[in-house]
Amino acid sequence: MNDETDAGRPDPLDGAAETLDRAAYAMVAQATHGLSPATLAQAYFDWAMHLAASPGKQVQLAAKAGRKNLRLLDYLLHSATQGANAEGCDACKPAITPLPQDHRFNNPMWSHWPYNLYSQAFLLNQQWWHAATSGVMGVGKHHEAMVSFAARQLLDTLAPTNFIATNPELQKRIVDTNGQCLIDGAALWFEDFERSARGEPPVG
């Protein structure tokens, strides 16, 4: 077929194709909270390819991982034998402290076994990933910021504070309320889900 026969005449599917594309992009934007998967993929491959080509950075990260594991093990051994944060015991002090704006582990319950393992391992892992996603030679600053942000968000979803089995504060809250807090939380989750499905913002 000769395309020249359509010269000057609009394609009857132009409007429908554009509408369909806009609807698809809107659905993706809603699911990813406005982040473009294509842009994220570009940032990720920029970071991954440059990290794969940086043996020095790889050695540095491996060494960091080893040191962090030793710090965690040392802390756990001393806290198990002498008590977490025992007075006058420098070795019993946490292997890592949260950033000033991070108050998730402020409760003293997080210093007791096994919750000290969960919190300390999470914070050390979070610190390692910050080192892994920053300072890689050749990665654009914008892509570095995107990868670092995405890694932080993903790690935050896996934080021990988000799960009943690993959160002592939540476990105590469940006992204190006879499970009512779980029912209330489920109701709020369903409300947020319904508002999201209708394209409405969360309450507040």
Protein backbone atom coordinates (compact mmCIF):
# COMPACT_ATOMS: atom_id res chain seq x y z
CA MET A 1 0.00 0.00 0.00
CA ASN A 2 1.26 3.46 -0.86
CA ASP A 3 1.29 5.78 2.18
CA GLU A 4 1.09 8.79 -0.12
CA THR A 5 -2.61 8.12 -0.65
CA ASP A 6 -3.17 9.21 2.99
CA ALA A 7 -1.23 12.44 2.59
CA GLY A 8 -3.12 15.37 4.02
CA ARG A 9 -5.77 13.17 5.64
CA PRO A 10 -5.68 12.53 9.44
CA ASP A 11 -5.52 8.95 10.62
CA PRO A 12 -8.93 8.08 12.10
CA LEU A 13 -7.17 6.27 14.95
CA ASP A 14 -5.08 9.29 16.03
CA GLY A 15 -7.54 10.47 18.65
CA ALA A 16 -8.27 7.01 20.02
CA ALA A 17 -4.56 6.09 20.14
CA GLU A 18 -3.68 9.27 22.01
CA THR A 19 -6.53 8.77 24.49
CA LEU A 20 -5.50 5.17 25.09
CA ASP A 21 -1.85 6.17 25.61
CA ARG A 22 -2.81 8.94 28.04
CA ALA A 23 -4.97 6.54 30.04
CA ALA A 24 -2.14 4.00 30.20
CA TYR A 25 0.37 6.65 31.32
CA ALA A 26 -2.09 7.88 33.97
CA MET A 27 -2.49 4.35 35.33
CA VAL A 28 1.27 3.86 35.47
CA ALA A 29 1.73 7.25 37.15
CA GLN A 30 -0.90 6.41 39.75
CA ALA A 31 0.67 3.02 40.46
CA THR A 32 4.20 4.47 40.75
CA HIS A 33 3.21 7.74 42.44
CA GLY A 34 4.35 9.80 39.48
CA LEU A 35 7.69 8.06 38.95
CA SER A 36 8.44 7.02 35.38
CA PRO A 37 9.47 3.34 35.15
CA ALA A 38 11.45 4.12 32.00
CA THR A 39 13.40 6.87 33.76
CA LEU A 40 13.98 4.65 36.78
CA ALA A 41 15.24 1.87 34.50
CA GLN A 42 17.66 4.28 32.82
CA ALA A 43 18.96 5.44 36.20
CA TYR A 44 19.31 1.85 37.43
CA PHE A 45 21.23 0.68 34.36
CA ASP A 46 23.46 3.76 34.50
CA TRP A 47 24.33 2.89 38.11
CA ALA A 48 24.59 -0.90 37.58
CA MET A 49 26.80 -0.68 34.50
CA HIS A 50 29.20 1.80 36.07
CA LEU A 51 29.35 -0.18 39.32
CA ALA A 52 30.08 -3.37 37.34
CA ALA A 53 32.98 -1.53 35.67
CA SER A 54 34.39 -0.19 38.97
CA PRO A 55 36.48 -2.90 40.68
CA GLY A 56 37.79 -0.40 43.22
CA LYS A 57 34.29 0.51 44.35
CA GLN A 58 33.37 -3.18 44.49
CA VAL A 59 36.34 -3.95 46.75
CA GLN A 60 35.45 -0.98 48.93
CA LEU A 61 31.83 -2.16 49.28
CA ALA A 62 32.91 -5.72 50.06
CA ALA A 63 35.23 -4.41 52.79
CA LYS A 64 32.43 -2.24 54.19
CA ALA A 65 30.09 -5.24 54.29
CA GLY A 66 32.70 -7.28 56.17
CA ARG A 67 33.33 -4.52 58.72
CA LYS A 68 29.61 -3.99 59.29
CA ASN A 69 29.02 -7.70 59.87
CA LEU A 70 31.87 -7.79 62.39
CA ARG A 71 30.50 -4.71 64.19
CA LEU A 72 27.06 -6.31 64.38
CA LEU A 73 28.46 -9.61 65.65
CA ASP A 74 30.62 -7.85 68.25
CA TYR A 75 27.66 -5.81 69.49
CA LEU A 76 25.38 -8.85 69.71
CA LEU A 77 27.97 -10.92 71.60
CA HIS A 78 28.65 -8.19 74.16
CA SER A 79 25.00 -7.25 74.61
CA ALA A 80 24.09 -10.93 75.09
CA THR A 81 26.73 -11.46 77.77
CA GLN A 82 26.65 -8.08 79.55
CA GLY A 83 23.27 -6.62 78.62
CA ALA A 84 22.48 -4.11 75.90
CA ASN A 85 23.79 -0.62 76.67
CA ALA A 86 25.18 -1.82 80.00
CA GLU A 87 26.65 1.06 82.00
CA GLY A 88 30.37 1.46 81.41
CA CYS A 89 30.39 -1.09 78.59
CA ASP A 90 31.57 0.67 75.43
CA ALA A 91 31.37 -2.56 73.43
CA CYS A 92 27.68 -2.91 74.38
CA LYS A 93 26.79 0.36 72.69
CA PRO A 94 24.88 -0.05 69.42
CA ALA A 95 26.92 -0.84 66.34
CA ILE A 96 25.10 2.00 64.60
CA THR A 97 22.72 4.75 65.65
CA PRO A 98 19.85 5.98 63.47
CA LEU A 99 20.00 9.33 61.73
CA PRO A 100 18.68 12.20 63.90
CA GLN A 101 15.41 12.34 61.95
CA ASP A 102 14.81 8.59 62.22
CA HIS A 103 12.81 7.87 65.38
CA ARG A 104 11.60 4.38 64.50
CA PHE A 105 13.87 2.64 67.01
CA ASN A 106 13.77 5.10 69.90
CA ASN A 107 11.80 2.80 72.18
CA PRO A 108 14.06 0.91 74.66
CA MET A 109 12.36 -2.34 73.60
CA TRP A 110 14.49 -2.25 70.44
CA SER A 111 17.63 -2.80 72.55
CA HIS A 112 16.49 -6.27 73.68
CA TRP A 113 17.05 -9.57 71.90
CA PRO A 114 16.07 -10.37 69.16
CA TYR A 115 14.81 -6.90 68.25
CA ASN A 116 18.27 -5.36 68.63
CA LEU A 117 19.44 -7.77 65.92
CA TYR A 118 16.60 -6.72 63.61
CA SER A 119 17.09 -2.98 64.10
CA GLN A 120 20.88 -2.97 64.01
CA ALA A 121 21.07 -5.24 60.97
CA PHE A 122 18.53 -3.07 59.16
CA LEU A 123 20.36 0.19 59.92
CA LEU A 124 23.75 -1.24 58.90
CA ASN A 125 22.22 -2.60 55.69
CA GLN A 126 20.62 0.76 54.99
CA GLN A 127 23.98 2.51 55.50
CA TRP A 128 25.72 0.02 53.18
CA TRP A 129 23.18 0.59 50.41
CA HIS A 130 23.68 4.34 50.71
CA ALA A 131 27.38 3.78 50.11
CA ALA A 132 26.63 1.40 47.23
CA THR A 133 24.32 3.83 45.43
CA SER A 134 26.47 6.93 45.83
CA GLY A 135 29.96 7.83 44.72
CA VAL A 136 30.07 5.42 41.77
CA MET A 137 32.36 6.96 39.17
CA GLY A 138 30.61 7.92 35.93
CA VAL A 139 27.02 7.87 37.22
CA GLY A 140 25.14 11.11 36.58
CA LYS A 141 24.15 13.05 39.69
CA HIS A 142 20.46 12.89 38.78
CA HIS A 143 20.57 9.14 38.23
CA GLU A 144 22.57 8.67 41.44
CA ALA A 145 19.92 10.60 43.40
CA MET A 146 17.13 8.54 41.82
CA VAL A 147 18.78 5.18 42.53
CA SER A 148 19.67 6.17 46.08
CA PHE A 149 16.11 7.38 46.70
CA ALA A 150 14.55 4.24 45.20
CA ALA A 151 16.84 1.97 47.27
CA ARG A 152 15.98 3.87 50.44
CA GLN A 153 12.25 3.63 49.74
CA LEU A 154 12.49 -0.10 49.02
CA LEU A 155 14.49 -0.72 52.20
CA ASP A 156 12.00 1.30 54.25
CA THR A 157 9.20 -1.03 53.13
CA LEU A 158 11.25 -3.93 54.54
CA ALA A 159 12.03 -2.24 57.86
CA PRO A 160 11.39 -4.39 60.96
CA THR A 161 8.98 -1.73 62.20
CA ASN A 162 6.57 -2.74 59.42
CA PHE A 163 6.00 -6.34 60.51
CA ILE A 164 4.28 -7.77 63.57
CA ALA A 165 6.86 -10.53 64.06
CA THR A 166 9.77 -8.06 64.23
CA ASN A 167 8.20 -5.05 65.96
CA PRO A 168 8.07 -5.24 69.78
CA GLU A 169 6.08 -2.02 70.08
CA LEU A 170 3.37 -3.35 67.80
CA GLN A 171 3.31 -6.68 69.63
CA LYS A 172 2.77 -4.86 72.94
CA ARG A 173 0.08 -2.68 71.35
CA ILE A 174 -1.77 -5.78 70.11
CA VAL A 175 -1.70 -7.31 73.60
CA ASP A 176 -2.75 -4.05 75.28
CA THR A 177 -5.73 -3.55 72.94
CA ASN A 178 -6.69 -7.24 72.72
CA GLY A 179 -6.16 -7.08 68.97
CA GLN A 180 -8.45 -4.07 68.40
CA CYS A 181 -5.58 -2.08 66.86
CA LEU A 182 -5.36 -4.68 64.08
CA ILE A 183 -9.05 -4.30 63.30
CA ASP A 184 -8.76 -0.50 63.31
CA GLY A 185 -5.67 -0.69 61.10
CA ALA A 186 -7.42 -2.98 58.60
CA ALA A 187 -10.37 -0.56 58.42
CA LEU A 188 -8.02 2.36 57.72
CA TRP A 189 -6.20 0.32 55.07
CA PHE A 190 -9.47 -0.49 53.29
CA GLU A 191 -10.46 3.17 53.43
CA ASP A 192 -7.13 4.23 51.89
CA PHE A 193 -7.46 1.50 49.23
CA GLU A 194 -10.97 2.65 48.28
CA ARG A 195 -9.89 6.31 48.09
CA SER A 196 -6.90 5.35 45.95
CA ALA A 197 -9.12 3.30 43.61
CA ARG A 198 -11.36 6.34 43.19
CA GLY A 199 -8.36 8.56 42.51
CA GLU A 200 -8.81 10.50 45.75
CA PRO A 201 -5.92 11.54 48.00
CA PRO A 202 -5.45 9.92 51.42
CA VAL A 203 -7.32 11.42 54.37
CA GLY A 204 -5.49 14.49 55.65
